[in-house]
């Protein structure tokens, strides 16, 4: 019988210039990582917190077209997870246990800021569905994550 312990964990590293240095985002089941941990690092690495926070799904997909619906879904899942962490970091979201991003640890080593969190995949998936890009809801409307 498969393990029922499935958790989505993310670690985001921001450099001294407030730019994305690295991130890892993966599903863990029975303690083992599953999936591409840094799927978007090549595309998003080096971008500022402000630029990443403002990036909507349509703009991202226009800049980096995906080959399949699965790739599109996974890319948006990673994008929205990173944005959720940044929303907590910048105070736009609370980061509590019932939020999209539940912050576990924020540390600074003198050079880099490291944020570790748990991501509610169901809530991230709802953002993808509401943007019309997963094609499961039949809608095709523009997506934005609004930081109020």
N, C-alpha and C. Protein backbone atom coordinates (compact mmCIF):
# COMPACT_ATOMS: atom_id res chain seq x y z
N UNK A 1 0.84 -1.18 0.00
CA UNK A 1 0.00 0.00 0.00
C UNK A 1 0.89 1.24 0.00
N UNK A 2 0.61 2.21 -0.89
CA UNK A 2 1.42 3.41 -0.96
C UNK A 2 1.30 4.27 0.30
N UNK A 3 2.34 5.01 0.54
CA UNK A 3 2.36 5.93 1.68
C UNK A 3 1.35 7.06 1.46
N UNK A 4 0.62 7.43 2.50
CA UNK A 4 -0.36 8.50 2.38
C UNK A 4 0.22 9.85 2.80
N UNK A 5 1.49 9.88 3.16
CA UNK A 5 2.15 11.11 3.55
C UNK A 5 2.66 11.83 2.31
N UNK A 6 1.88 12.81 1.81
CA UNK A 6 2.26 13.57 0.64
C UNK A 6 2.26 15.05 1.03
N UNK A 7 3.41 15.67 0.90
CA UNK A 7 3.57 17.07 1.28
C UNK A 7 4.31 17.79 0.16
N UNK A 8 3.95 19.05 -0.10
CA UNK A 8 4.66 19.88 -1.07
C UNK A 8 5.51 20.86 -0.27
N UNK A 9 6.81 20.81 -0.46
CA UNK A 9 7.73 21.68 0.26
C UNK A 9 8.48 22.57 -0.72
N UNK A 10 8.76 23.79 -0.28
CA UNK A 10 9.49 24.72 -1.13
C UNK A 10 10.55 25.43 -0.29
N UNK A 11 11.69 25.64 -0.90
CA UNK A 11 12.74 26.47 -0.33
C UNK A 11 13.12 27.49 -1.39
N UNK A 12 13.04 28.76 -1.02
CA UNK A 12 13.38 29.85 -1.93
C UNK A 12 14.57 30.59 -1.35
N UNK A 13 15.58 30.83 -2.19
CA UNK A 13 16.78 31.56 -1.75
C UNK A 13 16.83 32.87 -2.53
N UNK A 14 16.87 33.97 -1.78
CA UNK A 14 16.94 35.32 -2.34
C UNK A 14 18.32 35.89 -2.03
N UNK A 15 18.98 36.46 -3.03
CA UNK A 15 20.33 36.99 -2.81
C UNK A 15 20.29 38.39 -2.21
N UNK A 16 21.45 38.97 -1.99
CA UNK A 16 21.57 40.28 -1.34
C UNK A 16 20.96 41.41 -2.17
N UNK A 17 20.75 41.18 -3.47
CA UNK A 17 20.13 42.18 -4.35
C UNK A 17 18.63 41.95 -4.51
N UNK A 18 18.04 41.12 -3.63
CA UNK A 18 16.60 40.79 -3.67
C UNK A 18 16.19 40.12 -4.98
N UNK A 19 17.05 39.21 -5.44
CA UNK A 19 16.78 38.46 -6.67
C UNK A 19 16.74 36.96 -6.36
N UNK A 20 15.94 36.24 -7.13
CA UNK A 20 15.85 34.80 -6.95
C UNK A 20 17.18 34.15 -7.29
N UNK A 21 17.80 33.54 -6.30
CA UNK A 21 19.07 32.85 -6.51
C UNK A 21 18.81 31.38 -6.84
N UNK A 22 17.92 30.77 -6.09
CA UNK A 22 17.59 29.37 -6.34
C UNK A 22 16.28 29.04 -5.63
N UNK A 23 15.74 27.90 -5.99
CA UNK A 23 14.58 27.38 -5.28
C UNK A 23 14.49 25.89 -5.52
N UNK A 24 13.87 25.21 -4.61
CA UNK A 24 13.51 23.80 -4.81
C UNK A 24 12.06 23.65 -4.37
N UNK A 25 11.30 22.96 -5.17
CA UNK A 25 9.88 22.74 -4.90
C UNK A 25 9.56 21.33 -5.33
N UNK A 26 9.18 20.53 -4.38
CA UNK A 26 8.85 19.16 -4.76
C UNK A 26 7.87 18.54 -3.79
N UNK A 27 7.25 17.54 -4.30
CA UNK A 27 6.34 16.72 -3.52
C UNK A 27 7.19 15.69 -2.81
N UNK A 28 6.87 15.47 -1.57
CA UNK A 28 7.56 14.43 -0.81
C UNK A 28 6.50 13.42 -0.40
N UNK A 29 6.79 12.18 -0.66
CA UNK A 29 5.90 11.11 -0.23
C UNK A 29 6.77 10.06 0.44
N UNK A 30 6.41 9.71 1.62
CA UNK A 30 7.19 8.75 2.42
C UNK A 30 8.65 9.20 2.55
N UNK A 31 8.86 10.53 2.60
CA UNK A 31 10.21 11.05 2.80
C UNK A 31 11.04 11.18 1.54
N UNK A 32 10.51 10.78 0.38
CA UNK A 32 11.26 10.84 -0.87
C UNK A 32 10.75 11.96 -1.76
N UNK A 33 11.65 12.72 -2.37
CA UNK A 33 11.27 13.80 -3.27
C UNK A 33 10.76 13.20 -4.59
N UNK A 34 9.72 13.85 -5.14
CA UNK A 34 9.13 13.44 -6.40
C UNK A 34 9.00 14.68 -7.28
N UNK A 35 9.43 14.62 -8.52
CA UNK A 35 9.24 15.73 -9.44
C UNK A 35 10.48 16.58 -9.64
N UNK A 36 10.36 17.53 -10.57
CA UNK A 36 11.46 18.44 -10.90
C UNK A 36 11.53 19.53 -9.83
N UNK A 37 12.60 19.55 -9.08
CA UNK A 37 12.71 20.44 -7.92
C UNK A 37 12.87 21.90 -8.29
N UNK A 38 13.53 22.21 -9.38
CA UNK A 38 13.79 23.60 -9.76
C UNK A 38 13.42 23.83 -11.22
N UNK A 39 12.24 23.45 -11.57
CA UNK A 39 11.77 23.43 -12.95
C UNK A 39 11.96 24.78 -13.67
N UNK A 40 11.76 25.90 -12.96
CA UNK A 40 11.78 27.21 -13.60
C UNK A 40 13.02 28.04 -13.29
N UNK A 41 14.00 27.46 -12.64
CA UNK A 41 15.15 28.25 -12.22
C UNK A 41 15.88 28.90 -13.40
N UNK A 42 16.02 28.19 -14.48
CA UNK A 42 16.69 28.75 -15.65
C UNK A 42 15.94 29.97 -16.19
N UNK A 43 14.60 29.92 -16.17
CA UNK A 43 13.80 31.03 -16.69
C UNK A 43 13.67 32.18 -15.70
N UNK A 44 13.58 31.87 -14.40
CA UNK A 44 13.26 32.90 -13.41
C UNK A 44 14.43 33.32 -12.53
N UNK A 45 15.49 32.55 -12.50
CA UNK A 45 16.64 32.88 -11.67
C UNK A 45 17.19 34.25 -12.03
N UNK A 46 17.52 35.04 -11.03
CA UNK A 46 18.07 36.37 -11.25
C UNK A 46 17.03 37.47 -11.32
N UNK A 47 15.76 37.11 -11.39
CA UNK A 47 14.70 38.14 -11.43
C UNK A 47 14.45 38.67 -10.02
N UNK A 48 14.06 39.92 -9.96
CA UNK A 48 13.81 40.57 -8.67
C UNK A 48 12.51 40.06 -8.05
N UNK A 49 12.39 40.26 -6.75
CA UNK A 49 11.16 39.90 -6.05
C UNK A 49 9.98 40.63 -6.68
N UNK A 50 10.14 41.92 -6.97
CA UNK A 50 9.05 42.70 -7.57
C UNK A 50 8.65 42.15 -8.93
N UNK A 51 9.63 41.82 -9.77
CA UNK A 51 9.33 41.30 -11.11
C UNK A 51 8.63 39.94 -11.02
N UNK A 52 9.10 39.08 -10.14
CA UNK A 52 8.48 37.77 -9.97
C UNK A 52 7.06 37.90 -9.44
N UNK A 53 6.87 38.79 -8.50
CA UNK A 53 5.54 38.98 -7.91
C UNK A 53 4.54 39.51 -8.92
N UNK A 54 5.01 40.32 -9.86
CA UNK A 54 4.12 40.93 -10.85
C UNK A 54 3.88 40.05 -12.07
N UNK A 55 4.62 38.98 -12.22
CA UNK A 55 4.53 38.12 -13.41
C UNK A 55 3.22 37.34 -13.42
N UNK A 56 2.40 37.55 -14.43
CA UNK A 56 1.15 36.78 -14.52
C UNK A 56 1.34 35.59 -15.45
N UNK A 57 0.39 34.68 -15.41
CA UNK A 57 0.49 33.43 -16.17
C UNK A 57 0.60 33.68 -17.67
N UNK A 58 -0.20 34.60 -18.19
CA UNK A 58 -0.17 34.85 -19.63
C UNK A 58 1.19 35.38 -20.09
N UNK A 59 1.75 36.29 -19.32
CA UNK A 59 3.06 36.84 -19.67
C UNK A 59 4.13 35.76 -19.60
N UNK A 60 4.10 34.96 -18.54
CA UNK A 60 5.08 33.88 -18.41
C UNK A 60 4.96 32.92 -19.60
N UNK A 61 3.75 32.49 -19.91
CA UNK A 61 3.56 31.51 -20.99
C UNK A 61 3.88 32.09 -22.36
N UNK A 62 3.70 33.39 -22.54
CA UNK A 62 4.08 34.02 -23.81
C UNK A 62 5.61 34.03 -23.94
N UNK A 63 6.29 34.27 -22.82
CA UNK A 63 7.75 34.31 -22.84
C UNK A 63 8.36 32.91 -22.92
N UNK A 64 7.70 31.95 -22.27
CA UNK A 64 8.20 30.58 -22.23
C UNK A 64 7.08 29.60 -22.59
N UNK A 65 6.75 29.48 -23.88
CA UNK A 65 5.67 28.57 -24.29
C UNK A 65 5.99 27.12 -23.88
N UNK A 66 4.97 26.43 -23.46
CA UNK A 66 5.13 25.04 -23.03
C UNK A 66 4.64 24.11 -24.13
N UNK A 67 5.19 22.90 -24.16
CA UNK A 67 4.89 21.94 -25.22
C UNK A 67 3.60 21.15 -25.00
N UNK A 68 3.15 21.08 -23.74
CA UNK A 68 1.96 20.28 -23.47
C UNK A 68 1.19 20.90 -22.31
N UNK A 69 -0.05 20.44 -22.15
CA UNK A 69 -0.87 20.91 -21.03
C UNK A 69 -0.24 20.53 -19.69
N UNK A 70 0.40 19.37 -19.63
CA UNK A 70 1.04 18.93 -18.39
C UNK A 70 2.20 19.85 -18.04
N UNK A 71 3.05 20.16 -19.03
CA UNK A 71 4.17 21.08 -18.79
C UNK A 71 3.67 22.46 -18.37
N UNK A 72 2.60 22.91 -19.00
CA UNK A 72 2.02 24.21 -18.66
C UNK A 72 1.52 24.21 -17.22
N UNK A 73 0.81 23.17 -16.85
CA UNK A 73 0.29 23.06 -15.48
C UNK A 73 1.44 23.06 -14.47
N UNK A 74 2.45 22.24 -14.71
CA UNK A 74 3.57 22.15 -13.77
C UNK A 74 4.33 23.47 -13.68
N UNK A 75 4.53 24.14 -14.81
CA UNK A 75 5.22 25.43 -14.81
C UNK A 75 4.43 26.45 -13.99
N UNK A 76 3.13 26.52 -14.21
CA UNK A 76 2.31 27.47 -13.45
C UNK A 76 2.26 27.11 -11.97
N UNK A 77 2.26 25.83 -11.68
CA UNK A 77 2.29 25.39 -10.27
C UNK A 77 3.56 25.90 -9.59
N UNK A 78 4.70 25.77 -10.25
CA UNK A 78 5.96 26.26 -9.70
C UNK A 78 5.94 27.79 -9.59
N UNK A 79 5.48 28.48 -10.63
CA UNK A 79 5.42 29.93 -10.61
C UNK A 79 4.56 30.42 -9.45
N UNK A 80 3.35 29.87 -9.33
CA UNK A 80 2.45 30.32 -8.27
C UNK A 80 2.97 29.96 -6.88
N UNK A 81 3.68 28.85 -6.76
CA UNK A 81 4.26 28.49 -5.46
C UNK A 81 5.35 29.49 -5.07
N UNK A 82 6.22 29.84 -6.02
CA UNK A 82 7.26 30.85 -5.75
C UNK A 82 6.61 32.17 -5.37
N UNK A 83 5.60 32.59 -6.12
CA UNK A 83 4.92 33.84 -5.83
C UNK A 83 4.25 33.82 -4.46
N UNK A 84 3.73 32.68 -4.06
CA UNK A 84 3.11 32.56 -2.74
C UNK A 84 4.13 32.77 -1.63
N UNK A 85 5.32 32.21 -1.80
CA UNK A 85 6.39 32.41 -0.82
C UNK A 85 6.77 33.89 -0.76
N UNK A 86 6.90 34.52 -1.92
CA UNK A 86 7.27 35.93 -1.96
C UNK A 86 6.19 36.81 -1.35
N UNK A 87 4.93 36.43 -1.50
CA UNK A 87 3.83 37.19 -0.90
C UNK A 87 3.92 37.14 0.63
N UNK A 88 4.32 35.99 1.17
CA UNK A 88 4.52 35.88 2.63
C UNK A 88 5.73 36.71 3.04
N UNK A 89 6.81 36.59 2.30
CA UNK A 89 8.04 37.32 2.62
C UNK A 89 7.81 38.83 2.65
N UNK A 90 7.03 39.34 1.71
CA UNK A 90 6.81 40.79 1.60
C UNK A 90 5.63 41.28 2.45
N UNK A 91 4.99 40.36 3.18
CA UNK A 91 3.90 40.76 4.06
C UNK A 91 2.55 40.90 3.38
N UNK A 92 2.42 40.44 2.14
CA UNK A 92 1.15 40.51 1.44
C UNK A 92 0.23 39.34 1.78
N UNK A 93 0.78 38.29 2.33
CA UNK A 93 0.02 37.12 2.78
C UNK A 93 0.54 36.75 4.17
N UNK A 94 -0.33 36.18 5.02
CA UNK A 94 0.09 35.88 6.39
C UNK A 94 1.04 34.70 6.54
N UNK A 95 0.93 33.68 5.70
CA UNK A 95 1.83 32.53 5.80
C UNK A 95 1.50 31.58 6.93
N UNK A 96 0.23 31.55 7.34
CA UNK A 96 -0.19 30.64 8.40
C UNK A 96 -0.50 29.25 7.90
N UNK A 97 -0.82 28.34 8.81
CA UNK A 97 -1.00 26.92 8.43
C UNK A 97 -2.16 26.68 7.47
N UNK A 98 -3.14 27.57 7.39
CA UNK A 98 -4.27 27.37 6.49
C UNK A 98 -4.15 28.17 5.20
N UNK A 99 -3.02 28.82 5.00
CA UNK A 99 -2.81 29.64 3.81
C UNK A 99 -2.13 28.83 2.71
N UNK A 100 -2.13 29.38 1.49
CA UNK A 100 -1.47 28.71 0.36
C UNK A 100 -0.04 28.36 0.73
N UNK A 101 0.65 29.31 1.35
CA UNK A 101 2.04 29.11 1.76
C UNK A 101 2.12 29.21 3.28
N UNK A 102 2.49 28.12 3.91
CA UNK A 102 2.69 28.10 5.36
C UNK A 102 4.18 28.17 5.63
N UNK A 103 4.64 29.36 6.02
CA UNK A 103 6.07 29.56 6.26
C UNK A 103 6.53 28.74 7.45
N UNK A 104 7.60 28.01 7.28
CA UNK A 104 8.16 27.21 8.36
C UNK A 104 9.40 27.85 8.96
N UNK A 105 10.20 28.50 8.09
CA UNK A 105 11.47 29.04 8.55
C UNK A 105 11.95 30.10 7.57
N UNK A 106 12.41 31.23 8.12
CA UNK A 106 13.04 32.27 7.32
C UNK A 106 14.36 32.58 8.00
N UNK A 107 15.46 32.45 7.26
CA UNK A 107 16.77 32.70 7.86
C UNK A 107 17.63 33.53 6.92
N UNK A 108 18.64 34.15 7.49
CA UNK A 108 19.58 34.96 6.73
C UNK A 108 20.98 34.55 7.16
N UNK A 109 21.82 34.19 6.19
CA UNK A 109 23.16 33.71 6.52
C UNK A 109 24.25 34.76 6.30
N UNK A 110 23.86 36.01 6.14
CA UNK A 110 24.82 37.06 5.88
C UNK A 110 24.91 37.41 4.41
N UNK A 111 24.50 36.51 3.55
CA UNK A 111 24.48 36.73 2.10
C UNK A 111 23.10 36.50 1.51
N UNK A 112 22.48 35.41 1.88
CA UNK A 112 21.22 35.00 1.26
C UNK A 112 20.11 34.88 2.30
N UNK A 113 18.91 35.17 1.84
CA UNK A 113 17.71 34.96 2.64
C UNK A 113 17.10 33.64 2.18
N UNK A 114 16.83 32.74 3.12
CA UNK A 114 16.30 31.42 2.78
C UNK A 114 14.94 31.26 3.44
N UNK A 115 13.93 30.94 2.63
CA UNK A 115 12.58 30.74 3.12
C UNK A 115 12.19 29.30 2.86
N UNK A 116 11.79 28.59 3.91
CA UNK A 116 11.28 27.23 3.79
C UNK A 116 9.80 27.25 4.14
N UNK A 117 9.00 26.55 3.34
CA UNK A 117 7.56 26.58 3.56
C UNK A 117 6.91 25.31 3.02
N UNK A 118 5.68 25.13 3.46
CA UNK A 118 4.80 24.08 2.93
C UNK A 118 3.80 24.77 2.03
N UNK A 119 3.54 24.20 0.87
CA UNK A 119 2.59 24.77 -0.09
C UNK A 119 1.34 23.91 -0.12
N UNK A 120 0.18 24.56 -0.03
CA UNK A 120 -1.09 23.86 -0.18
C UNK A 120 -1.35 23.69 -1.67
N UNK A 121 -1.11 22.52 -2.17
CA UNK A 121 -1.23 22.26 -3.60
C UNK A 121 -2.66 22.46 -4.07
N UNK A 122 -3.63 22.12 -3.24
CA UNK A 122 -5.02 22.31 -3.64
C UNK A 122 -5.31 23.78 -3.91
N UNK A 123 -4.78 24.68 -3.07
CA UNK A 123 -5.02 26.10 -3.27
C UNK A 123 -4.25 26.64 -4.47
N UNK A 124 -3.04 26.15 -4.71
CA UNK A 124 -2.29 26.56 -5.90
C UNK A 124 -3.01 26.06 -7.14
N UNK A 125 -3.51 24.84 -7.11
CA UNK A 125 -4.25 24.29 -8.24
C UNK A 125 -5.49 25.11 -8.54
N UNK A 126 -6.16 25.61 -7.50
CA UNK A 126 -7.33 26.47 -7.71
C UNK A 126 -6.93 27.75 -8.44
N UNK A 127 -5.77 28.31 -8.14
CA UNK A 127 -5.29 29.50 -8.85
C UNK A 127 -5.07 29.17 -10.32
N UNK A 128 -4.52 28.00 -10.59
CA UNK A 128 -4.28 27.61 -11.99
C UNK A 128 -5.62 27.42 -12.70
N UNK A 129 -6.57 26.77 -12.05
CA UNK A 129 -7.89 26.57 -12.66
C UNK A 129 -8.58 27.90 -12.92
N UNK A 130 -8.47 28.85 -11.99
CA UNK A 130 -9.16 30.13 -12.14
C UNK A 130 -8.54 30.98 -13.25
N UNK A 131 -7.31 30.68 -13.62
CA UNK A 131 -6.68 31.47 -14.67
C UNK A 131 -7.06 30.96 -16.06
N UNK A 132 -7.66 29.78 -16.13
CA UNK A 132 -8.09 29.26 -17.42
C UNK A 132 -7.03 28.50 -18.17
N UNK A 133 -5.86 28.30 -17.57
CA UNK A 133 -4.78 27.64 -18.29
C UNK A 133 -4.77 26.14 -18.16
N UNK A 134 -5.45 25.59 -17.18
CA UNK A 134 -5.42 24.13 -17.06
C UNK A 134 -6.46 23.49 -17.97
N UNK A 135 -7.36 24.30 -18.48
CA UNK A 135 -8.38 23.86 -19.42
C UNK A 135 -9.40 22.91 -18.79
N UNK A 136 -9.32 22.68 -17.49
CA UNK A 136 -10.26 21.76 -16.86
C UNK A 136 -11.59 22.44 -16.54
N UNK A 137 -11.59 23.75 -16.42
CA UNK A 137 -12.83 24.42 -16.06
C UNK A 137 -13.54 24.96 -17.29
N UNK A 138 -12.90 24.91 -18.44
CA UNK A 138 -13.53 25.37 -19.67
C UNK A 138 -13.45 26.87 -19.88
N UNK A 139 -12.88 27.58 -18.94
CA UNK A 139 -12.76 29.03 -19.08
C UNK A 139 -11.40 29.36 -19.65
N UNK A 140 -11.32 30.52 -20.24
CA UNK A 140 -10.03 31.00 -20.74
C UNK A 140 -9.95 32.47 -20.41
N UNK A 141 -9.65 32.77 -19.17
CA UNK A 141 -9.55 34.17 -18.77
C UNK A 141 -8.15 34.46 -18.28
N UNK A 142 -7.80 35.72 -18.33
CA UNK A 142 -6.46 36.15 -17.95
C UNK A 142 -6.23 35.92 -16.47
N UNK A 143 -5.01 35.51 -16.13
CA UNK A 143 -4.65 35.23 -14.75
C UNK A 143 -3.77 36.32 -14.18
N UNK A 144 -4.01 36.61 -12.95
CA UNK A 144 -3.12 37.49 -12.20
C UNK A 144 -3.18 37.08 -10.75
N UNK A 145 -2.07 37.07 -10.12
CA UNK A 145 -2.04 36.96 -8.67
C UNK A 145 -1.94 38.39 -8.19
N UNK A 146 -2.93 38.82 -7.45
CA UNK A 146 -2.97 40.20 -7.01
C UNK A 146 -2.48 40.27 -5.58
N UNK A 147 -1.47 41.06 -5.35
CA UNK A 147 -0.95 41.28 -4.01
C UNK A 147 -1.56 42.57 -3.50
N UNK A 148 -2.51 42.45 -2.58
CA UNK A 148 -3.16 43.65 -2.07
C UNK A 148 -2.57 44.10 -0.77
